[in-house]
Amino acid sequence: MASSGSNAISSLYPAPPPYIKFFTESNVNKLPDYVKERQAPVETTSDEPVIMNELEYLIPPAMPKSQQYRAFGSVWQIKDTLPDLESMGITQLYKKSKDGEVTNYQYKIQELRRLLKSLLLNYLELVSVLTIDPSLYEAKVEHIRTILINIHHLLNEYRPHQSRESLIMLLEEQLEYKKEEIKKIEKTCEQVTQKLKQIQESLSQG
């Protein structure tokens, strides 16, 4: 019979840490004064036990000195950069950018088309290899895998341009919407002005 420990089910999201109980409204109000006192030097002896104040938990940690940090068992980069293919052990099949600068996006479109044609050709070659000698498929599959990774990486390099274009389209749509709203307001103002003139004329004639 299995023990109770082996039957324990781990939760999808971890339970909140125990120091969450220190995040109270009272402690938040005390925090500014505590930070000022904390900056002042305090004389202590090595024999004195260090007692951590619960307000310490409310002070955000310092920025990591390295370029990465660990959270929830995974390593994250402080600066979100796209890793180089060669650093991941993958052969880069398209032209590298000069001096670390991103190549122009028209060139990326051309390279994507070239890689897609190469992918189609290698797929046809794979079919041919499978009909002649199926034992030789591994090298061709690895080549197709390299092409697909290059295509995926090239698309990821295109993301900043896509984001800018999407933002431009969104701003243009909002601008057009505002222009239409202004036209409707101006039209309504004209109608109101005409009504007021008609009322004024009717009163003056009466």
N, C-alpha and C. Protein backbone atom coordinates (compact mmCIF):
# COMPACT_ATOMS: atom_id res chain seq x y z
N MET A 1 0.85 -1.20 0.00
CA MET A 1 0.00 0.00 0.00
C MET A 1 0.89 1.25 0.00
N ALA A 2 0.59 2.17 -0.84
CA ALA A 2 1.41 3.37 -0.94
C ALA A 2 1.21 4.24 0.28
N SER A 3 2.29 4.94 0.64
CA SER A 3 2.23 5.83 1.80
C SER A 3 1.44 7.07 1.47
N SER A 4 1.01 7.80 2.50
CA SER A 4 0.22 9.01 2.29
C SER A 4 1.02 10.08 1.60
N GLY A 5 2.38 10.09 1.85
CA GLY A 5 3.21 11.10 1.22
C GLY A 5 3.29 10.94 -0.28
N SER A 6 3.30 9.67 -0.76
CA SER A 6 3.40 9.44 -2.19
C SER A 6 2.11 9.80 -2.91
N ASN A 7 0.99 9.84 -2.18
CA ASN A 7 -0.30 10.16 -2.79
C ASN A 7 -0.60 11.66 -2.78
N ALA A 8 0.31 12.45 -2.17
CA ALA A 8 0.07 13.89 -2.10
C ALA A 8 0.13 14.49 -3.50
N ILE A 9 -0.81 15.36 -3.79
CA ILE A 9 -0.89 16.00 -5.10
C ILE A 9 -0.38 17.43 -4.97
N SER A 10 0.62 17.77 -5.78
CA SER A 10 1.16 19.12 -5.74
C SER A 10 0.22 20.06 -6.46
N SER A 11 0.01 21.25 -5.90
CA SER A 11 -0.90 22.21 -6.49
C SER A 11 -0.26 22.87 -7.71
N LEU A 12 -1.11 23.32 -8.63
CA LEU A 12 -0.62 23.96 -9.84
C LEU A 12 0.11 25.25 -9.50
N TYR A 13 -0.44 26.04 -8.58
CA TYR A 13 0.19 27.27 -8.13
C TYR A 13 0.62 27.09 -6.67
N PRO A 14 1.85 27.49 -6.33
CA PRO A 14 2.31 27.30 -4.95
C PRO A 14 1.52 28.16 -3.98
N ALA A 15 1.47 27.69 -2.74
CA ALA A 15 0.78 28.45 -1.70
C ALA A 15 1.54 29.74 -1.43
N PRO A 16 0.86 30.82 -1.00
CA PRO A 16 1.56 32.08 -0.73
C PRO A 16 2.57 31.90 0.40
N PRO A 17 3.70 32.60 0.36
CA PRO A 17 4.72 32.47 1.40
C PRO A 17 4.18 32.93 2.75
N PRO A 18 4.78 32.44 3.84
CA PRO A 18 4.27 32.80 5.17
C PRO A 18 4.37 34.27 5.51
N TYR A 19 5.35 34.99 4.88
CA TYR A 19 5.52 36.40 5.23
C TYR A 19 4.45 37.30 4.60
N ILE A 20 3.48 36.70 3.89
CA ILE A 20 2.41 37.52 3.32
C ILE A 20 1.56 38.17 4.42
N LYS A 21 1.58 37.55 5.61
CA LYS A 21 0.80 38.10 6.73
C LYS A 21 1.34 39.44 7.21
N PHE A 22 2.60 39.78 6.82
CA PHE A 22 3.18 41.07 7.24
C PHE A 22 2.71 42.22 6.37
N PHE A 23 2.09 41.93 5.23
CA PHE A 23 1.65 42.98 4.32
C PHE A 23 0.27 43.50 4.76
N THR A 24 0.29 44.25 5.83
CA THR A 24 -0.93 44.83 6.39
C THR A 24 -0.92 46.34 6.17
N GLU A 25 -2.07 46.95 6.31
CA GLU A 25 -2.16 48.40 6.13
C GLU A 25 -1.33 49.14 7.18
N SER A 26 -1.30 48.59 8.38
CA SER A 26 -0.51 49.21 9.45
C SER A 26 0.98 49.20 9.12
N ASN A 27 1.47 48.07 8.61
CA ASN A 27 2.89 47.97 8.27
C ASN A 27 3.25 48.85 7.08
N VAL A 28 2.32 48.96 6.13
CA VAL A 28 2.56 49.83 4.98
C VAL A 28 2.71 51.28 5.42
N ASN A 29 1.94 51.71 6.40
CA ASN A 29 2.04 53.07 6.91
C ASN A 29 3.34 53.28 7.69
N LYS A 30 3.84 52.23 8.34
CA LYS A 30 5.08 52.34 9.11
C LYS A 30 6.32 52.28 8.23
N LEU A 31 6.18 51.78 7.03
CA LEU A 31 7.33 51.50 6.17
C LEU A 31 8.20 52.74 5.88
N PRO A 32 7.64 53.91 5.50
CA PRO A 32 8.51 55.06 5.19
C PRO A 32 9.42 55.44 6.34
N ASP A 33 8.89 55.48 7.57
CA ASP A 33 9.71 55.82 8.73
C ASP A 33 10.77 54.75 8.98
N TYR A 34 10.40 53.50 8.76
CA TYR A 34 11.35 52.41 8.99
C TYR A 34 12.50 52.46 7.99
N VAL A 35 12.19 52.83 6.74
CA VAL A 35 13.24 52.92 5.72
C VAL A 35 14.24 54.02 6.08
N LYS A 36 13.75 55.14 6.61
CA LYS A 36 14.65 56.22 7.02
C LYS A 36 15.55 55.76 8.18
N GLU A 37 14.96 55.06 9.15
CA GLU A 37 15.75 54.56 10.27
C GLU A 37 16.74 53.49 9.82
N ARG A 38 16.34 52.74 8.84
CA ARG A 38 17.17 51.63 8.36
C ARG A 38 18.43 52.14 7.67
N GLN A 39 18.32 53.33 7.04
CA GLN A 39 19.48 53.90 6.37
C GLN A 39 20.52 54.43 7.33
N ALA A 40 20.10 54.74 8.57
CA ALA A 40 21.05 55.23 9.56
C ALA A 40 21.88 54.07 10.10
N PRO A 41 23.20 54.26 10.35
CA PRO A 41 24.05 53.17 10.86
C PRO A 41 23.65 52.78 12.28
N VAL A 42 23.65 51.49 12.54
CA VAL A 42 23.29 50.96 13.85
C VAL A 42 24.48 50.17 14.40
N GLU A 43 24.93 50.52 15.63
CA GLU A 43 26.06 49.84 16.24
C GLU A 43 25.58 48.57 16.93
N THR A 44 26.17 47.46 16.54
CA THR A 44 25.84 46.18 17.13
C THR A 44 27.12 45.40 17.38
N THR A 45 27.05 44.47 18.25
CA THR A 45 28.18 43.58 18.53
C THR A 45 27.92 42.23 17.88
N SER A 46 28.99 41.50 17.67
CA SER A 46 28.85 40.20 16.99
C SER A 46 28.10 39.20 17.84
N ASP A 47 28.04 39.43 19.18
CA ASP A 47 27.35 38.49 20.06
C ASP A 47 25.84 38.68 20.04
N GLU A 48 25.40 39.86 19.56
CA GLU A 48 23.97 40.12 19.57
C GLU A 48 23.28 39.33 18.47
N PRO A 49 22.17 38.66 18.77
CA PRO A 49 21.45 37.93 17.72
C PRO A 49 20.77 38.90 16.77
N VAL A 50 20.80 38.58 15.48
CA VAL A 50 20.16 39.43 14.47
C VAL A 50 18.69 39.03 14.34
N ILE A 51 17.82 39.95 14.68
CA ILE A 51 16.39 39.72 14.60
C ILE A 51 15.84 40.53 13.43
N MET A 52 15.26 39.84 12.48
CA MET A 52 14.76 40.51 11.27
C MET A 52 13.40 41.14 11.55
N ASN A 53 13.31 42.41 11.25
CA ASN A 53 12.05 43.12 11.43
C ASN A 53 11.08 42.68 10.35
N GLU A 54 9.81 42.55 10.71
CA GLU A 54 8.82 42.10 9.73
C GLU A 54 8.63 43.10 8.61
N LEU A 55 9.03 44.37 8.85
CA LEU A 55 8.91 45.37 7.79
C LEU A 55 9.94 45.16 6.68
N GLU A 56 10.97 44.37 6.95
CA GLU A 56 11.97 44.06 5.92
C GLU A 56 11.34 43.35 4.73
N TYR A 57 10.31 42.58 5.01
CA TYR A 57 9.66 41.83 3.94
C TYR A 57 8.90 42.74 2.97
N LEU A 58 8.61 43.99 3.40
CA LEU A 58 7.88 44.92 2.55
C LEU A 58 8.81 45.70 1.63
N ILE A 59 10.12 45.62 1.85
CA ILE A 59 11.09 46.34 1.03
C ILE A 59 11.45 45.48 -0.18
N PRO A 60 11.27 45.98 -1.39
CA PRO A 60 11.58 45.17 -2.60
C PRO A 60 13.06 44.81 -2.63
N PRO A 61 13.39 43.63 -3.12
CA PRO A 61 14.80 43.24 -3.22
C PRO A 61 15.53 44.06 -4.27
N ALA A 62 16.85 44.11 -4.14
CA ALA A 62 17.66 44.86 -5.11
C ALA A 62 17.70 44.13 -6.45
N MET A 63 17.97 44.88 -7.50
CA MET A 63 18.08 44.31 -8.83
C MET A 63 19.25 43.33 -8.88
N PRO A 64 19.07 42.14 -9.44
CA PRO A 64 20.18 41.17 -9.53
C PRO A 64 21.37 41.76 -10.28
N LYS A 65 22.57 41.48 -9.80
CA LYS A 65 23.79 42.00 -10.43
C LYS A 65 24.11 41.25 -11.72
N SER A 66 23.73 39.98 -11.80
CA SER A 66 23.97 39.23 -13.02
C SER A 66 22.89 39.53 -14.04
N GLN A 67 23.00 38.98 -15.23
CA GLN A 67 22.06 39.23 -16.31
C GLN A 67 20.86 38.30 -16.29
N GLN A 68 20.76 37.46 -15.25
CA GLN A 68 19.65 36.53 -15.17
C GLN A 68 19.27 36.28 -13.71
N TYR A 69 18.09 35.74 -13.51
CA TYR A 69 17.61 35.43 -12.17
C TYR A 69 16.74 34.17 -12.25
N ARG A 70 16.51 33.57 -11.12
CA ARG A 70 15.73 32.34 -11.06
C ARG A 70 14.40 32.61 -10.35
N ALA A 71 13.33 32.12 -10.94
CA ALA A 71 12.00 32.27 -10.35
C ALA A 71 11.16 31.06 -10.71
N PHE A 72 10.52 30.46 -9.72
CA PHE A 72 9.67 29.28 -9.92
C PHE A 72 10.43 28.16 -10.63
N GLY A 73 11.72 28.02 -10.28
CA GLY A 73 12.51 26.93 -10.81
C GLY A 73 13.04 27.13 -12.22
N SER A 74 12.79 28.30 -12.82
CA SER A 74 13.27 28.58 -14.17
C SER A 74 14.20 29.79 -14.15
N VAL A 75 15.13 29.82 -15.10
CA VAL A 75 16.08 30.93 -15.22
C VAL A 75 15.53 31.92 -16.23
N TRP A 76 15.47 33.20 -15.83
CA TRP A 76 14.93 34.26 -16.69
C TRP A 76 16.00 35.31 -16.93
N GLN A 77 16.01 35.89 -18.11
CA GLN A 77 16.94 36.95 -18.47
C GLN A 77 16.35 38.30 -18.07
N ILE A 78 17.19 39.17 -17.48
CA ILE A 78 16.72 40.50 -17.10
C ILE A 78 16.38 41.31 -18.35
N LYS A 79 17.26 41.25 -19.34
CA LYS A 79 17.00 41.92 -20.62
C LYS A 79 16.50 40.89 -21.60
N ASP A 80 15.29 41.11 -22.08
CA ASP A 80 14.66 40.14 -22.98
C ASP A 80 15.28 40.25 -24.37
N THR A 81 16.26 39.39 -24.63
CA THR A 81 16.93 39.40 -25.92
C THR A 81 16.78 38.03 -26.59
N LEU A 82 16.79 38.05 -27.91
CA LEU A 82 16.68 36.81 -28.66
C LEU A 82 18.06 36.18 -28.76
N PRO A 83 18.26 34.95 -28.24
CA PRO A 83 19.58 34.33 -28.29
C PRO A 83 20.00 34.02 -29.71
N ASP A 84 21.31 34.02 -29.93
CA ASP A 84 21.85 33.70 -31.24
C ASP A 84 21.73 32.20 -31.50
N LEU A 85 21.53 31.86 -32.78
CA LEU A 85 21.37 30.44 -33.13
C LEU A 85 22.63 29.64 -32.82
N GLU A 86 23.80 30.23 -33.10
CA GLU A 86 25.04 29.51 -32.87
C GLU A 86 25.26 29.24 -31.39
N SER A 87 24.80 30.17 -30.52
CA SER A 87 24.93 29.94 -29.08
C SER A 87 24.07 28.78 -28.61
N MET A 88 23.03 28.45 -29.39
CA MET A 88 22.17 27.31 -29.07
C MET A 88 22.61 26.04 -29.80
N GLY A 89 23.74 26.14 -30.52
CA GLY A 89 24.26 24.96 -31.21
C GLY A 89 23.55 24.65 -32.52
N ILE A 90 22.91 25.67 -33.13
CA ILE A 90 22.18 25.48 -34.39
C ILE A 90 22.90 26.26 -35.50
N THR A 91 23.04 25.66 -36.65
CA THR A 91 23.65 26.33 -37.80
C THR A 91 22.72 27.40 -38.34
N GLN A 92 23.24 28.62 -38.49
CA GLN A 92 22.43 29.72 -39.02
C GLN A 92 22.55 29.72 -40.54
N LEU A 93 21.43 29.58 -41.23
CA LEU A 93 21.42 29.44 -42.68
C LEU A 93 21.22 30.75 -43.40
N TYR A 94 20.93 31.83 -42.69
CA TYR A 94 20.75 33.12 -43.34
C TYR A 94 21.83 34.09 -42.89
N LYS A 95 21.95 35.18 -43.60
CA LYS A 95 23.02 36.13 -43.38
C LYS A 95 22.94 36.75 -41.99
N LYS A 96 24.10 36.88 -41.35
CA LYS A 96 24.15 37.50 -40.03
C LYS A 96 24.13 39.02 -40.18
N SER A 97 23.63 39.68 -39.14
CA SER A 97 23.62 41.14 -39.15
C SER A 97 25.02 41.67 -38.87
N LYS A 98 25.33 42.85 -39.39
CA LYS A 98 26.65 43.44 -39.23
C LYS A 98 26.72 44.27 -37.96
N ASP A 99 27.81 44.10 -37.22
CA ASP A 99 28.06 44.86 -35.99
C ASP A 99 26.93 44.78 -35.00
N GLY A 100 26.25 43.63 -34.97
CA GLY A 100 25.18 43.43 -34.00
C GLY A 100 23.89 44.12 -34.35
N GLU A 101 23.83 44.80 -35.49
CA GLU A 101 22.61 45.49 -35.89
C GLU A 101 21.69 44.54 -36.64
N VAL A 102 20.41 44.77 -36.50
CA VAL A 102 19.42 43.93 -37.18
C VAL A 102 19.39 44.29 -38.66
N THR A 103 19.42 43.28 -39.53
CA THR A 103 19.36 43.54 -40.95
C THR A 103 17.97 44.05 -41.31
N ASN A 104 17.86 44.68 -42.50
CA ASN A 104 16.58 45.28 -42.88
C ASN A 104 15.53 44.19 -43.09
N TYR A 105 14.28 44.59 -42.90
CA TYR A 105 13.18 43.62 -42.88
C TYR A 105 12.83 43.11 -44.28
N GLN A 106 13.13 43.89 -45.31
CA GLN A 106 12.93 43.38 -46.65
C GLN A 106 13.85 42.20 -46.91
N TYR A 107 15.06 42.29 -46.40
CA TYR A 107 15.99 41.17 -46.55
C TYR A 107 15.47 39.94 -45.81
N LYS A 108 14.88 40.14 -44.63
CA LYS A 108 14.34 39.02 -43.86
C LYS A 108 13.21 38.33 -44.62
N ILE A 109 12.38 39.11 -45.32
CA ILE A 109 11.30 38.53 -46.12
C ILE A 109 11.88 37.67 -47.23
N GLN A 110 12.93 38.17 -47.88
CA GLN A 110 13.57 37.40 -48.94
C GLN A 110 14.17 36.10 -48.40
N GLU A 111 14.80 36.19 -47.22
CA GLU A 111 15.41 35.01 -46.63
C GLU A 111 14.34 33.99 -46.23
N LEU A 112 13.20 34.48 -45.74
CA LEU A 112 12.11 33.57 -45.39
C LEU A 112 11.60 32.82 -46.62
N ARG A 113 11.48 33.52 -47.72
CA ARG A 113 11.04 32.88 -48.95
C ARG A 113 12.06 31.84 -49.40
N ARG A 114 13.34 32.17 -49.29
CA ARG A 114 14.39 31.23 -49.68
C ARG A 114 14.39 29.99 -48.80
N LEU A 115 14.19 30.20 -47.48
CA LEU A 115 14.15 29.07 -46.56
C LEU A 115 12.93 28.19 -46.80
N LEU A 116 11.81 28.81 -47.15
CA LEU A 116 10.60 28.04 -47.44
C LEU A 116 10.78 27.18 -48.69
N LYS A 117 11.43 27.75 -49.71
CA LYS A 117 11.71 26.96 -50.92
C LYS A 117 12.67 25.81 -50.59
N SER A 118 13.67 26.10 -49.77
CA SER A 118 14.62 25.06 -49.37
C SER A 118 13.92 23.98 -48.55
N LEU A 119 12.96 24.39 -47.71
CA LEU A 119 12.21 23.42 -46.91
C LEU A 119 11.39 22.49 -47.81
N LEU A 120 10.73 23.07 -48.82
CA LEU A 120 9.94 22.27 -49.75
C LEU A 120 10.83 21.30 -50.53
N LEU A 121 11.98 21.79 -50.99
CA LEU A 121 12.91 20.94 -51.74
C LEU A 121 13.41 19.79 -50.88
N ASN A 122 13.76 20.07 -49.64
CA ASN A 122 14.26 19.02 -48.75
C ASN A 122 13.17 18.02 -48.40
N TYR A 123 11.93 18.49 -48.34
CA TYR A 123 10.83 17.56 -48.08
C TYR A 123 10.66 16.59 -49.26
N LEU A 124 10.77 17.13 -50.47
CA LEU A 124 10.68 16.26 -51.66
C LEU A 124 11.86 15.28 -51.70
N GLU A 125 13.03 15.76 -51.30
CA GLU A 125 14.19 14.87 -51.26
C GLU A 125 14.01 13.79 -50.20
N LEU A 126 13.37 14.16 -49.06
CA LEU A 126 13.10 13.17 -48.01
C LEU A 126 12.17 12.08 -48.53
N VAL A 127 11.14 12.48 -49.27
CA VAL A 127 10.23 11.49 -49.85
C VAL A 127 10.98 10.56 -50.80
N SER A 128 11.88 11.14 -51.59
CA SER A 128 12.68 10.34 -52.52
C SER A 128 13.60 9.38 -51.78
N VAL A 129 14.22 9.85 -50.70
CA VAL A 129 15.12 9.00 -49.91
C VAL A 129 14.34 7.84 -49.30
N LEU A 130 13.13 8.12 -48.80
CA LEU A 130 12.33 7.07 -48.17
C LEU A 130 11.92 6.00 -49.18
N THR A 131 11.77 6.37 -50.44
CA THR A 131 11.39 5.38 -51.45
C THR A 131 12.59 4.55 -51.91
N ILE A 132 13.81 5.15 -51.81
CA ILE A 132 15.00 4.43 -52.28
C ILE A 132 15.68 3.66 -51.15
N ASP A 133 16.03 4.38 -50.07
CA ASP A 133 16.72 3.75 -48.93
C ASP A 133 16.25 4.41 -47.65
N PRO A 134 15.23 3.88 -46.98
CA PRO A 134 14.68 4.52 -45.77
C PRO A 134 15.69 4.68 -44.64
N SER A 135 16.78 3.92 -44.65
CA SER A 135 17.76 4.01 -43.57
C SER A 135 18.55 5.32 -43.63
N LEU A 136 18.46 6.05 -44.73
CA LEU A 136 19.22 7.30 -44.88
C LEU A 136 18.39 8.54 -44.56
N TYR A 137 17.24 8.35 -43.94
CA TYR A 137 16.32 9.47 -43.71
C TYR A 137 16.82 10.42 -42.62
N GLU A 138 17.61 9.92 -41.68
CA GLU A 138 17.94 10.70 -40.46
C GLU A 138 18.64 12.02 -40.80
N ALA A 139 19.64 11.97 -41.70
CA ALA A 139 20.37 13.20 -42.04
C ALA A 139 19.44 14.22 -42.69
N LYS A 140 18.55 13.76 -43.55
CA LYS A 140 17.63 14.68 -44.22
C LYS A 140 16.62 15.29 -43.24
N VAL A 141 16.15 14.50 -42.30
CA VAL A 141 15.23 15.01 -41.28
C VAL A 141 15.93 16.06 -40.41
N GLU A 142 17.19 15.82 -40.08
CA GLU A 142 17.95 16.77 -39.27
C GLU A 142 18.14 18.09 -40.03
N HIS A 143 18.35 17.98 -41.35
CA HIS A 143 18.48 19.19 -42.16
C HIS A 143 17.17 19.97 -42.19
N ILE A 144 16.05 19.26 -42.32
CA ILE A 144 14.73 19.92 -42.30
C ILE A 144 14.50 20.59 -40.95
N ARG A 145 14.90 19.91 -39.89
CA ARG A 145 14.77 20.49 -38.54
C ARG A 145 15.56 21.79 -38.43
N THR A 146 16.78 21.82 -38.96
CA THR A 146 17.60 23.03 -38.93
C THR A 146 16.94 24.17 -39.70
N ILE A 147 16.36 23.85 -40.86
CA ILE A 147 15.68 24.88 -41.66
C ILE A 147 14.48 25.45 -40.89
N LEU A 148 13.70 24.58 -40.27
CA LEU A 148 12.52 25.03 -39.52
C LEU A 148 12.92 25.91 -38.34
N ILE A 149 13.99 25.56 -37.65
CA ILE A 149 14.46 26.38 -36.52
C ILE A 149 14.91 27.75 -37.02
N ASN A 150 15.59 27.78 -38.18
CA ASN A 150 16.02 29.06 -38.75
C ASN A 150 14.82 29.92 -39.14
N ILE A 151 13.79 29.29 -39.71
CA ILE A 151 12.57 30.03 -40.06
C ILE A 151 11.92 30.61 -38.81
N HIS A 152 11.82 29.80 -37.77
CA HIS A 152 11.21 30.25 -36.52
C HIS A 152 12.02 31.39 -35.91
N HIS A 153 13.35 31.29 -35.94
CA HIS A 153 14.20 32.32 -35.37
C HIS A 153 14.10 33.62 -36.18
N LEU A 154 14.03 33.49 -37.50
CA LEU A 154 13.91 34.67 -38.36
C LEU A 154 12.57 35.37 -38.14
N LEU A 155 11.51 34.59 -37.93
CA LEU A 155 10.20 35.18 -37.63
C LEU A 155 10.24 35.93 -36.29
N ASN A 156 10.94 35.37 -35.32
CA ASN A 156 11.06 36.04 -34.02
C ASN A 156 11.83 37.35 -34.15
N GLU A 157 12.82 37.40 -35.05
CA GLU A 157 13.53 38.66 -35.28
C GLU A 157 12.62 39.70 -35.93
N TYR A 158 11.62 39.24 -36.62
CA TYR A 158 10.68 40.14 -37.30
C TYR A 158 9.61 40.69 -36.35
N ARG A 159 9.53 40.13 -35.13
CA ARG A 159 8.48 40.54 -34.19
C ARG A 159 8.51 42.02 -33.85
N PRO A 160 9.68 42.64 -33.59
CA PRO A 160 9.65 44.08 -33.26
C PRO A 160 9.03 44.92 -34.37
N HIS A 161 9.35 44.60 -35.62
CA HIS A 161 8.76 45.33 -36.76
C HIS A 161 7.25 45.11 -36.80
N GLN A 162 6.83 43.87 -36.56
CA GLN A 162 5.40 43.56 -36.54
C GLN A 162 4.69 44.34 -35.43
N SER A 163 5.33 44.43 -34.28
CA SER A 163 4.73 45.16 -33.15
C SER A 163 4.58 46.63 -33.48
N ARG A 164 5.62 47.21 -34.09
CA ARG A 164 5.53 48.63 -34.46
C ARG A 164 4.42 48.87 -35.48
N GLU A 165 4.34 48.00 -36.48
CA GLU A 165 3.31 48.16 -37.51
C GLU A 165 1.91 47.99 -36.91
N SER A 166 1.77 47.04 -35.99
CA SER A 166 0.47 46.83 -35.34
C SER A 166 0.09 48.05 -34.51
N LEU A 167 1.08 48.64 -33.83
CA LEU A 167 0.81 49.83 -33.03
C LEU A 167 0.42 51.00 -33.93
N ILE A 168 1.10 51.14 -35.08
CA ILE A 168 0.77 52.21 -36.02
C ILE A 168 -0.67 52.05 -36.52
N MET A 169 -1.05 50.81 -36.87
CA MET A 169 -2.41 50.56 -37.35
C MET A 169 -3.43 50.88 -36.27
N LEU A 170 -3.13 50.51 -35.02
CA LEU A 170 -4.05 50.79 -33.92
C LEU A 170 -4.21 52.29 -33.71
N LEU A 171 -3.10 53.03 -33.77
CA LEU A 171 -3.17 54.48 -33.59
C LEU A 171 -3.93 55.14 -34.74
N GLU A 172 -3.72 54.63 -35.96
CA GLU A 172 -4.46 55.18 -37.11
C GLU A 172 -5.95 54.93 -36.97
N GLU A 173 -6.32 53.74 -36.49
CA GLU A 173 -7.75 53.45 -36.28
C GLU A 173 -8.34 54.37 -35.22
N GLN A 174 -7.60 54.58 -34.14
CA GLN A 174 -8.08 55.48 -33.09
C GLN A 174 -8.19 56.91 -33.60
N LEU A 175 -7.22 57.32 -34.44
CA LEU A 175 -7.26 58.67 -35.00
C LEU A 175 -8.49 58.86 -35.89
N GLU A 176 -8.77 57.86 -36.73
CA GLU A 176 -9.95 57.94 -37.59
C GLU A 176 -11.23 57.98 -36.77
N TYR A 177 -11.25 57.18 -35.69
CA TYR A 177 -12.43 57.16 -34.82
C TYR A 177 -12.64 58.53 -34.17
N LYS A 178 -11.55 59.17 -33.73
CA LYS A 178 -11.65 60.49 -33.09
C LYS A 178 -12.12 61.53 -34.11
N LYS A 179 -11.60 61.40 -35.35
CA LYS A 179 -12.01 62.35 -36.38
C LYS A 179 -13.51 62.24 -36.66
N GLU A 180 -14.00 61.00 -36.71
CA GLU A 180 -15.44 60.80 -36.93
C GLU A 180 -16.25 61.36 -35.77
N GLU A 181 -15.75 61.17 -34.56
CA GLU A 181 -16.46 61.71 -33.40
C GLU A 181 -16.50 63.23 -33.44
N ILE A 182 -15.40 63.84 -33.86
CA ILE A 182 -15.34 65.31 -33.95
C ILE A 182 -16.32 65.81 -35.00
N LYS A 183 -16.39 65.10 -36.14
CA LYS A 183 -17.34 65.49 -37.19
C LYS A 183 -18.78 65.41 -36.68
N LYS A 184 -19.10 64.36 -35.94
CA LYS A 184 -20.45 64.22 -35.39
C LYS A 184 -20.77 65.34 -34.40
N ILE A 185 -19.78 65.70 -33.58
CA ILE A 185 -19.99 66.77 -32.60
C ILE A 185 -20.19 68.11 -33.32
N GLU A 186 -19.37 68.36 -34.35
CA GLU A 186 -19.50 69.61 -35.11
C GLU A 186 -20.86 69.68 -35.80
N LYS A 187 -21.30 68.54 -36.35
CA LYS A 187 -22.61 68.49 -37.01
C LYS A 187 -23.73 68.75 -36.02
N THR A 188 -23.62 68.17 -34.83
CA THR A 188 -24.63 68.39 -33.79
C THR A 188 -24.64 69.85 -33.35
N CYS A 189 -23.44 70.45 -33.24
CA CYS A 189 -23.35 71.86 -32.84
C CYS A 189 -24.01 72.76 -33.90
N GLU A 190 -23.81 72.42 -35.16
CA GLU A 190 -24.45 73.20 -36.23
C GLU A 190 -25.97 73.08 -36.15
N GLN A 191 -26.46 71.88 -35.91
CA GLN A 191 -27.91 71.69 -35.79
C GLN A 191 -28.47 72.47 -34.62
N VAL A 192 -27.75 72.44 -33.49
CA VAL A 192 -28.21 73.19 -32.31
C VAL A 192 -28.21 74.69 -32.60
N THR A 193 -27.16 75.15 -33.29
CA THR A 193 -27.07 76.58 -33.63
C THR A 193 -28.23 77.00 -34.54
N GLN A 194 -28.55 76.17 -35.52
CA GLN A 194 -29.67 76.46 -36.41
C GLN A 194 -31.00 76.49 -35.65
N LYS A 195 -31.17 75.55 -34.73
CA LYS A 195 -32.40 75.53 -33.93
C LYS A 195 -32.53 76.79 -33.08
N LEU A 196 -31.40 77.20 -32.49
CA LEU A 196 -31.43 78.41 -31.67
C LEU A 196 -31.76 79.64 -32.51
N LYS A 197 -31.21 79.69 -33.74
CA LYS A 197 -31.52 80.81 -34.63
C LYS A 197 -33.00 80.83 -34.99
N GLN A 198 -33.55 79.63 -35.27
CA GLN A 198 -34.97 79.55 -35.61
C GLN A 198 -35.83 80.00 -34.44
N ILE A 199 -35.47 79.57 -33.24
CA ILE A 199 -36.22 79.98 -32.04
C ILE A 199 -36.12 81.48 -31.85
N GLN A 200 -34.91 82.02 -32.06
CA GLN A 200 -34.71 83.48 -31.90
C GLN A 200 -35.54 84.25 -32.92
N GLU A 201 -35.57 83.77 -34.16
CA GLU A 201 -36.35 84.44 -35.21
C GLU A 201 -37.84 84.37 -34.91
N SER A 202 -38.29 83.20 -34.42
CA SER A 202 -39.73 83.07 -34.11
C SER A 202 -40.13 83.98 -32.96
N LEU A 203 -39.25 84.12 -31.98
CA LEU A 203 -39.54 85.02 -30.85
C LEU A 203 -39.54 86.47 -31.27
N SER A 204 -38.60 86.84 -32.16
CA SER A 204 -38.54 88.23 -32.61
C SER A 204 -39.75 88.59 -33.47
N GLN A 205 -40.23 87.64 -34.27
CA GLN A 205 -41.42 87.90 -35.08
C GLN A 205 -42.69 87.97 -34.24
N GLY A 206 -42.71 87.15 -33.15
CA GLY A 206 -43.88 87.18 -32.30
C GLY A 206 -43.95 88.45 -31.49
